[in-house]
Amino acid sequence: MPTVAIVDDSPIVRIQLRQILQRMGCTVVAEAASGDQVRALYEQYHPDLITLDIVMPGKDGVTAAVELLRDFPQARIVMCTSLSSRDKILACQKAGVVHYVLKPFEPRRVEQVFRFALGLHEMPRVEGPS
């Protein structure tokens, strides 16, 4: 059963993601509201996947992703963001994130991206920022 850590400052988004992941058969091992907590979560749980918001208080998701992937290149990260700034999304992809989804979520689309990120599904068509 794949393990996942959810990092998003919105409790509602964390609930939505947890529900999608649980329906997929994943175990959510940790949740956090700031990029400041990403490294500690990864070191403690070594989740198969991390979902990471871009805009959060404290360390933003781009910085958290870059730092984590520098030290743990095997980490699998999917960015989940309402931010439509192409440069932020491209920075995340350049850092090595697996994929991203845009808020508001379409649950079926999110599930496809998570299945791909976990190696359970073929590559979904890339969404473009609005």
N, C-alpha and C. Protein backbone atom coordinates (compact mmCIF):
# COMPACT_ATOMS: atom_id res chain seq x y z
N MET A 1 0.84 -1.17 0.00
CA MET A 1 0.00 0.00 0.00
C MET A 1 0.90 1.25 0.00
N PRO A 2 0.80 2.11 -1.01
CA PRO A 2 1.65 3.30 -1.08
C PRO A 2 1.38 4.26 0.08
N THR A 3 2.45 4.93 0.52
CA THR A 3 2.33 5.91 1.58
C THR A 3 2.52 7.32 1.01
N VAL A 4 1.79 8.28 1.60
CA VAL A 4 1.79 9.65 1.08
C VAL A 4 1.83 10.64 2.23
N ALA A 5 2.54 11.75 2.02
CA ALA A 5 2.51 12.90 2.92
C ALA A 5 1.88 14.06 2.15
N ILE A 6 0.94 14.74 2.79
CA ILE A 6 0.24 15.87 2.17
C ILE A 6 0.72 17.16 2.85
N VAL A 7 1.20 18.12 2.04
CA VAL A 7 1.65 19.40 2.58
C VAL A 7 0.90 20.51 1.85
N ASP A 8 -0.02 21.14 2.58
CA ASP A 8 -0.85 22.22 2.03
C ASP A 8 -1.37 23.03 3.20
N ASP A 9 -1.39 24.35 3.07
CA ASP A 9 -1.84 25.17 4.18
C ASP A 9 -3.36 25.20 4.34
N SER A 10 -4.09 24.67 3.38
CA SER A 10 -5.54 24.64 3.45
C SER A 10 -6.04 23.31 4.02
N PRO A 11 -6.71 23.35 5.19
CA PRO A 11 -7.26 22.10 5.74
C PRO A 11 -8.27 21.45 4.80
N ILE A 12 -9.02 22.24 4.06
CA ILE A 12 -10.01 21.70 3.12
C ILE A 12 -9.31 20.93 2.01
N VAL A 13 -8.24 21.48 1.47
CA VAL A 13 -7.49 20.80 0.41
C VAL A 13 -6.88 19.51 0.96
N ARG A 14 -6.34 19.56 2.18
CA ARG A 14 -5.77 18.33 2.76
C ARG A 14 -6.84 17.25 2.89
N ILE A 15 -8.04 17.63 3.29
CA ILE A 15 -9.15 16.66 3.39
C ILE A 15 -9.47 16.08 2.01
N GLN A 16 -9.58 16.95 1.00
CA GLN A 16 -9.89 16.48 -0.36
C GLN A 16 -8.83 15.51 -0.85
N LEU A 17 -7.57 15.86 -0.68
CA LEU A 17 -6.49 14.99 -1.14
C LEU A 17 -6.48 13.67 -0.37
N ARG A 18 -6.67 13.75 0.94
CA ARG A 18 -6.70 12.52 1.74
C ARG A 18 -7.81 11.59 1.26
N GLN A 19 -8.99 12.13 0.97
CA GLN A 19 -10.10 11.30 0.50
C GLN A 19 -9.77 10.64 -0.84
N ILE A 20 -9.18 11.38 -1.75
CA ILE A 20 -8.80 10.82 -3.06
C ILE A 20 -7.77 9.71 -2.86
N LEU A 21 -6.76 9.98 -2.06
CA LEU A 21 -5.69 9.00 -1.83
C LEU A 21 -6.20 7.74 -1.13
N GLN A 22 -7.08 7.90 -0.16
CA GLN A 22 -7.63 6.74 0.53
C GLN A 22 -8.48 5.90 -0.41
N ARG A 23 -9.24 6.54 -1.29
CA ARG A 23 -10.02 5.78 -2.28
C ARG A 23 -9.10 4.99 -3.20
N MET A 24 -7.90 5.50 -3.43
CA MET A 24 -6.93 4.80 -4.27
C MET A 24 -6.25 3.66 -3.53
N GLY A 25 -6.45 3.57 -2.22
CA GLY A 25 -5.78 2.54 -1.44
C GLY A 25 -4.47 2.97 -0.82
N CYS A 26 -4.20 4.27 -0.82
CA CYS A 26 -2.97 4.79 -0.23
C CYS A 26 -3.17 5.07 1.25
N THR A 27 -2.08 5.08 1.98
CA THR A 27 -2.08 5.44 3.39
C THR A 27 -1.44 6.82 3.53
N VAL A 28 -2.18 7.76 4.08
CA VAL A 28 -1.63 9.09 4.35
C VAL A 28 -0.92 9.00 5.70
N VAL A 29 0.41 9.10 5.66
CA VAL A 29 1.21 8.92 6.87
C VAL A 29 1.46 10.21 7.61
N ALA A 30 1.30 11.36 6.92
CA ALA A 30 1.55 12.64 7.57
C ALA A 30 0.90 13.76 6.78
N GLU A 31 0.57 14.84 7.51
CA GLU A 31 0.06 16.06 6.90
C GLU A 31 0.76 17.23 7.54
N ALA A 32 0.96 18.30 6.76
CA ALA A 32 1.59 19.51 7.26
C ALA A 32 1.02 20.71 6.52
N ALA A 33 1.23 21.90 7.11
CA ALA A 33 0.68 23.13 6.54
C ALA A 33 1.75 24.09 6.04
N SER A 34 3.02 23.67 6.07
CA SER A 34 4.10 24.56 5.66
C SER A 34 5.25 23.78 5.04
N GLY A 35 5.91 24.42 4.09
CA GLY A 35 7.08 23.82 3.47
C GLY A 35 8.22 23.62 4.45
N ASP A 36 8.17 24.34 5.58
CA ASP A 36 9.20 24.18 6.61
C ASP A 36 9.23 22.76 7.17
N GLN A 37 8.14 22.03 7.04
CA GLN A 37 8.03 20.70 7.64
C GLN A 37 8.36 19.55 6.68
N VAL A 38 8.59 19.85 5.41
CA VAL A 38 8.74 18.81 4.39
C VAL A 38 9.91 17.88 4.66
N ARG A 39 11.07 18.42 4.92
CA ARG A 39 12.25 17.57 5.12
C ARG A 39 12.08 16.63 6.32
N ALA A 40 11.59 17.17 7.43
CA ALA A 40 11.39 16.33 8.62
C ALA A 40 10.39 15.22 8.35
N LEU A 41 9.31 15.54 7.64
CA LEU A 41 8.31 14.51 7.29
C LEU A 41 8.94 13.43 6.42
N TYR A 42 9.73 13.86 5.44
CA TYR A 42 10.34 12.88 4.55
C TYR A 42 11.31 11.99 5.31
N GLU A 43 12.14 12.60 6.16
CA GLU A 43 13.12 11.81 6.91
C GLU A 43 12.44 10.85 7.89
N GLN A 44 11.31 11.25 8.46
CA GLN A 44 10.63 10.38 9.42
C GLN A 44 9.86 9.25 8.74
N TYR A 45 9.15 9.56 7.66
CA TYR A 45 8.22 8.58 7.07
C TYR A 45 8.68 7.98 5.75
N HIS A 46 9.59 8.61 5.03
CA HIS A 46 10.00 8.15 3.70
C HIS A 46 8.78 7.77 2.85
N PRO A 47 7.84 8.68 2.68
CA PRO A 47 6.64 8.34 1.93
C PRO A 47 6.96 8.07 0.46
N ASP A 48 6.11 7.28 -0.17
CA ASP A 48 6.26 6.99 -1.59
C ASP A 48 5.96 8.22 -2.44
N LEU A 49 5.16 9.14 -1.89
CA LEU A 49 4.75 10.34 -2.61
C LEU A 49 4.53 11.47 -1.63
N ILE A 50 4.88 12.69 -2.06
CA ILE A 50 4.56 13.90 -1.30
C ILE A 50 3.75 14.81 -2.20
N THR A 51 2.61 15.28 -1.70
CA THR A 51 1.87 16.32 -2.42
C THR A 51 2.27 17.63 -1.76
N LEU A 52 2.53 18.65 -2.57
CA LEU A 52 3.12 19.87 -2.05
C LEU A 52 2.51 21.08 -2.73
N ASP A 53 1.91 21.96 -1.93
CA ASP A 53 1.36 23.22 -2.43
C ASP A 53 2.53 24.17 -2.72
N ILE A 54 2.35 25.09 -3.64
CA ILE A 54 3.42 26.05 -3.94
C ILE A 54 3.39 27.23 -2.97
N VAL A 55 2.22 27.83 -2.76
CA VAL A 55 2.12 29.03 -1.92
C VAL A 55 1.64 28.63 -0.53
N MET A 56 2.54 28.77 0.45
CA MET A 56 2.23 28.45 1.84
C MET A 56 2.99 29.42 2.74
N PRO A 57 2.53 29.56 3.98
CA PRO A 57 3.32 30.37 4.92
C PRO A 57 4.64 29.67 5.21
N GLY A 58 5.62 30.45 5.60
CA GLY A 58 6.94 29.87 5.83
C GLY A 58 7.60 29.58 4.49
N LYS A 59 8.29 28.46 4.42
CA LYS A 59 8.97 28.06 3.19
C LYS A 59 7.95 27.69 2.13
N ASP A 60 8.07 28.27 0.94
CA ASP A 60 7.12 27.92 -0.12
C ASP A 60 7.43 26.55 -0.70
N GLY A 61 6.49 26.03 -1.47
CA GLY A 61 6.63 24.69 -2.01
C GLY A 61 7.76 24.53 -3.00
N VAL A 62 8.04 25.58 -3.78
CA VAL A 62 9.15 25.50 -4.74
C VAL A 62 10.46 25.30 -4.00
N THR A 63 10.69 26.12 -2.99
CA THR A 63 11.93 26.02 -2.20
C THR A 63 12.01 24.66 -1.51
N ALA A 64 10.90 24.24 -0.92
CA ALA A 64 10.88 22.95 -0.22
C ALA A 64 11.18 21.80 -1.18
N ALA A 65 10.60 21.85 -2.38
CA ALA A 65 10.82 20.79 -3.38
C ALA A 65 12.28 20.76 -3.82
N VAL A 66 12.83 21.95 -4.14
CA VAL A 66 14.22 22.03 -4.60
C VAL A 66 15.16 21.48 -3.54
N GLU A 67 14.97 21.89 -2.29
CA GLU A 67 15.85 21.43 -1.21
C GLU A 67 15.72 19.93 -0.98
N LEU A 68 14.49 19.43 -0.95
CA LEU A 68 14.29 18.01 -0.70
C LEU A 68 14.88 17.17 -1.82
N LEU A 69 14.63 17.55 -3.07
CA LEU A 69 15.13 16.77 -4.20
C LEU A 69 16.65 16.86 -4.34
N ARG A 70 17.23 17.93 -3.86
CA ARG A 70 18.71 18.04 -3.88
C ARG A 70 19.31 16.97 -2.97
N ASP A 71 18.71 16.77 -1.81
CA ASP A 71 19.25 15.82 -0.85
C ASP A 71 18.68 14.41 -0.98
N PHE A 72 17.47 14.31 -1.52
CA PHE A 72 16.79 13.02 -1.68
C PHE A 72 16.22 12.93 -3.10
N PRO A 73 17.07 12.73 -4.10
CA PRO A 73 16.60 12.75 -5.49
C PRO A 73 15.57 11.66 -5.81
N GLN A 74 15.46 10.65 -4.97
CA GLN A 74 14.49 9.59 -5.19
C GLN A 74 13.08 10.00 -4.73
N ALA A 75 12.95 11.11 -4.02
CA ALA A 75 11.64 11.56 -3.54
C ALA A 75 10.72 11.84 -4.72
N ARG A 76 9.47 11.46 -4.58
CA ARG A 76 8.47 11.72 -5.62
C ARG A 76 7.53 12.80 -5.11
N ILE A 77 7.48 13.91 -5.85
CA ILE A 77 6.67 15.05 -5.44
C ILE A 77 5.71 15.41 -6.56
N VAL A 78 4.44 15.64 -6.17
CA VAL A 78 3.45 16.21 -7.07
C VAL A 78 3.04 17.55 -6.48
N MET A 79 3.19 18.60 -7.26
CA MET A 79 2.79 19.93 -6.82
C MET A 79 1.28 20.08 -7.03
N CYS A 80 0.61 20.64 -6.04
CA CYS A 80 -0.83 20.90 -6.10
C CYS A 80 -1.02 22.38 -5.84
N THR A 81 -1.45 23.12 -6.85
CA THR A 81 -1.47 24.57 -6.69
C THR A 81 -2.57 25.25 -7.47
N SER A 82 -3.03 26.36 -6.95
CA SER A 82 -3.96 27.20 -7.70
C SER A 82 -3.19 28.27 -8.45
N LEU A 83 -1.92 28.35 -8.18
CA LEU A 83 -1.07 29.33 -8.82
C LEU A 83 -0.92 29.00 -10.30
N SER A 84 -1.22 29.97 -11.15
CA SER A 84 -1.12 29.70 -12.58
C SER A 84 0.13 30.33 -13.18
N SER A 85 1.07 30.68 -12.36
CA SER A 85 2.31 31.28 -12.83
C SER A 85 3.20 30.21 -13.45
N ARG A 86 3.39 30.31 -14.75
CA ARG A 86 4.17 29.32 -15.48
C ARG A 86 5.59 29.19 -14.94
N ASP A 87 6.21 30.31 -14.53
CA ASP A 87 7.60 30.23 -14.06
C ASP A 87 7.73 29.41 -12.79
N LYS A 88 6.77 29.48 -11.88
CA LYS A 88 6.81 28.67 -10.66
C LYS A 88 6.66 27.18 -10.99
N ILE A 89 5.73 26.87 -11.89
CA ILE A 89 5.52 25.47 -12.27
C ILE A 89 6.75 24.93 -12.99
N LEU A 90 7.33 25.72 -13.87
CA LEU A 90 8.54 25.29 -14.58
C LEU A 90 9.71 25.11 -13.62
N ALA A 91 9.83 25.97 -12.61
CA ALA A 91 10.89 25.82 -11.62
C ALA A 91 10.73 24.50 -10.87
N CYS A 92 9.50 24.14 -10.57
CA CYS A 92 9.24 22.87 -9.88
C CYS A 92 9.62 21.69 -10.77
N GLN A 93 9.22 21.75 -12.03
CA GLN A 93 9.54 20.66 -12.95
C GLN A 93 11.06 20.55 -13.14
N LYS A 94 11.74 21.68 -13.25
CA LYS A 94 13.20 21.67 -13.40
C LYS A 94 13.87 21.05 -12.18
N ALA A 95 13.29 21.28 -11.01
CA ALA A 95 13.84 20.71 -9.77
C ALA A 95 13.68 19.20 -9.71
N GLY A 96 12.73 18.66 -10.48
CA GLY A 96 12.56 17.22 -10.50
C GLY A 96 11.23 16.71 -9.97
N VAL A 97 10.25 17.60 -9.77
CA VAL A 97 8.96 17.09 -9.34
C VAL A 97 8.38 16.21 -10.43
N VAL A 98 7.58 15.25 -10.04
CA VAL A 98 7.05 14.27 -10.98
C VAL A 98 5.98 14.88 -11.88
N HIS A 99 5.09 15.66 -11.28
CA HIS A 99 3.97 16.23 -12.03
C HIS A 99 3.32 17.29 -11.17
N TYR A 100 2.24 17.87 -11.65
CA TYR A 100 1.49 18.85 -10.88
C TYR A 100 0.03 18.79 -11.26
N VAL A 101 -0.82 19.28 -10.37
CA VAL A 101 -2.25 19.44 -10.65
C VAL A 101 -2.66 20.83 -10.20
N LEU A 102 -3.63 21.38 -10.91
CA LEU A 102 -4.11 22.72 -10.60
C LEU A 102 -5.41 22.66 -9.81
N LYS A 103 -5.52 23.55 -8.82
CA LYS A 103 -6.75 23.70 -8.05
C LYS A 103 -7.66 24.65 -8.81
N PRO A 104 -8.96 24.51 -8.76
CA PRO A 104 -9.69 23.49 -8.02
C PRO A 104 -9.51 22.12 -8.69
N PHE A 105 -9.49 21.09 -7.88
CA PHE A 105 -9.21 19.74 -8.35
C PHE A 105 -10.41 19.12 -9.04
N GLU A 106 -10.10 18.33 -10.04
CA GLU A 106 -11.06 17.38 -10.61
C GLU A 106 -10.55 16.03 -10.12
N PRO A 107 -11.27 15.39 -9.19
CA PRO A 107 -10.75 14.19 -8.51
C PRO A 107 -10.21 13.11 -9.44
N ARG A 108 -10.87 12.87 -10.55
CA ARG A 108 -10.39 11.82 -11.46
C ARG A 108 -9.02 12.19 -12.04
N ARG A 109 -8.84 13.46 -12.36
CA ARG A 109 -7.56 13.94 -12.90
C ARG A 109 -6.46 13.80 -11.84
N VAL A 110 -6.77 14.18 -10.61
CA VAL A 110 -5.80 14.07 -9.52
C VAL A 110 -5.39 12.62 -9.33
N GLU A 111 -6.35 11.73 -9.36
CA GLU A 111 -6.05 10.31 -9.20
C GLU A 111 -5.13 9.81 -10.33
N GLN A 112 -5.37 10.25 -11.55
CA GLN A 112 -4.50 9.85 -12.67
C GLN A 112 -3.06 10.30 -12.43
N VAL A 113 -2.89 11.55 -12.00
CA VAL A 113 -1.56 12.08 -11.75
C VAL A 113 -0.88 11.32 -10.61
N PHE A 114 -1.62 11.05 -9.52
CA PHE A 114 -1.04 10.31 -8.40
C PHE A 114 -0.66 8.90 -8.81
N ARG A 115 -1.51 8.24 -9.60
CA ARG A 115 -1.18 6.89 -10.07
C ARG A 115 0.09 6.90 -10.92
N PHE A 116 0.23 7.91 -11.77
CA PHE A 116 1.44 8.05 -12.58
C PHE A 116 2.66 8.25 -11.67
N ALA A 117 2.53 9.17 -10.71
CA ALA A 117 3.64 9.49 -9.83
C ALA A 117 4.10 8.28 -9.02
N LEU A 118 3.17 7.41 -8.71
CA LEU A 118 3.48 6.20 -7.94
C LEU A 118 3.91 5.04 -8.84
N GLY A 119 3.95 5.28 -10.15
CA GLY A 119 4.37 4.23 -11.08
C GLY A 119 3.27 3.21 -11.37
N LEU A 120 2.02 3.58 -11.13
CA LEU A 120 0.90 2.67 -11.31
C LEU A 120 0.10 2.93 -12.58
N HIS A 121 0.48 3.95 -13.35
CA HIS A 121 -0.35 4.40 -14.47
C HIS A 121 0.54 5.10 -15.48
N GLU A 122 0.10 5.17 -16.71
CA GLU A 122 0.86 5.87 -17.73
C GLU A 122 0.79 7.38 -17.50
N MET A 123 1.66 8.10 -18.16
CA MET A 123 1.76 9.55 -18.02
C MET A 123 0.47 10.24 -18.44
N PRO A 124 -0.15 11.05 -17.56
CA PRO A 124 -1.33 11.79 -17.95
C PRO A 124 -0.95 12.98 -18.81
N ARG A 125 -1.91 13.46 -19.58
CA ARG A 125 -1.71 14.64 -20.40
C ARG A 125 -1.44 15.82 -19.47
N VAL A 126 -0.47 16.64 -19.83
CA VAL A 126 -0.07 17.77 -18.99
C VAL A 126 -1.10 18.88 -19.07
N GLU A 127 -1.48 19.42 -17.89
CA GLU A 127 -2.37 20.55 -17.83
C GLU A 127 -1.53 21.81 -18.05
N GLY A 128 -2.10 22.79 -18.68
CA GLY A 128 -1.42 24.06 -18.81
C GLY A 128 -1.97 25.03 -17.80
N PRO A 129 -1.14 25.94 -17.31
CA PRO A 129 -1.63 26.95 -16.39
C PRO A 129 -2.65 27.83 -17.06
N SER A 130 -3.67 28.23 -16.34
CA SER A 130 -4.72 29.08 -16.89
C SER A 130 -4.26 30.51 -16.98
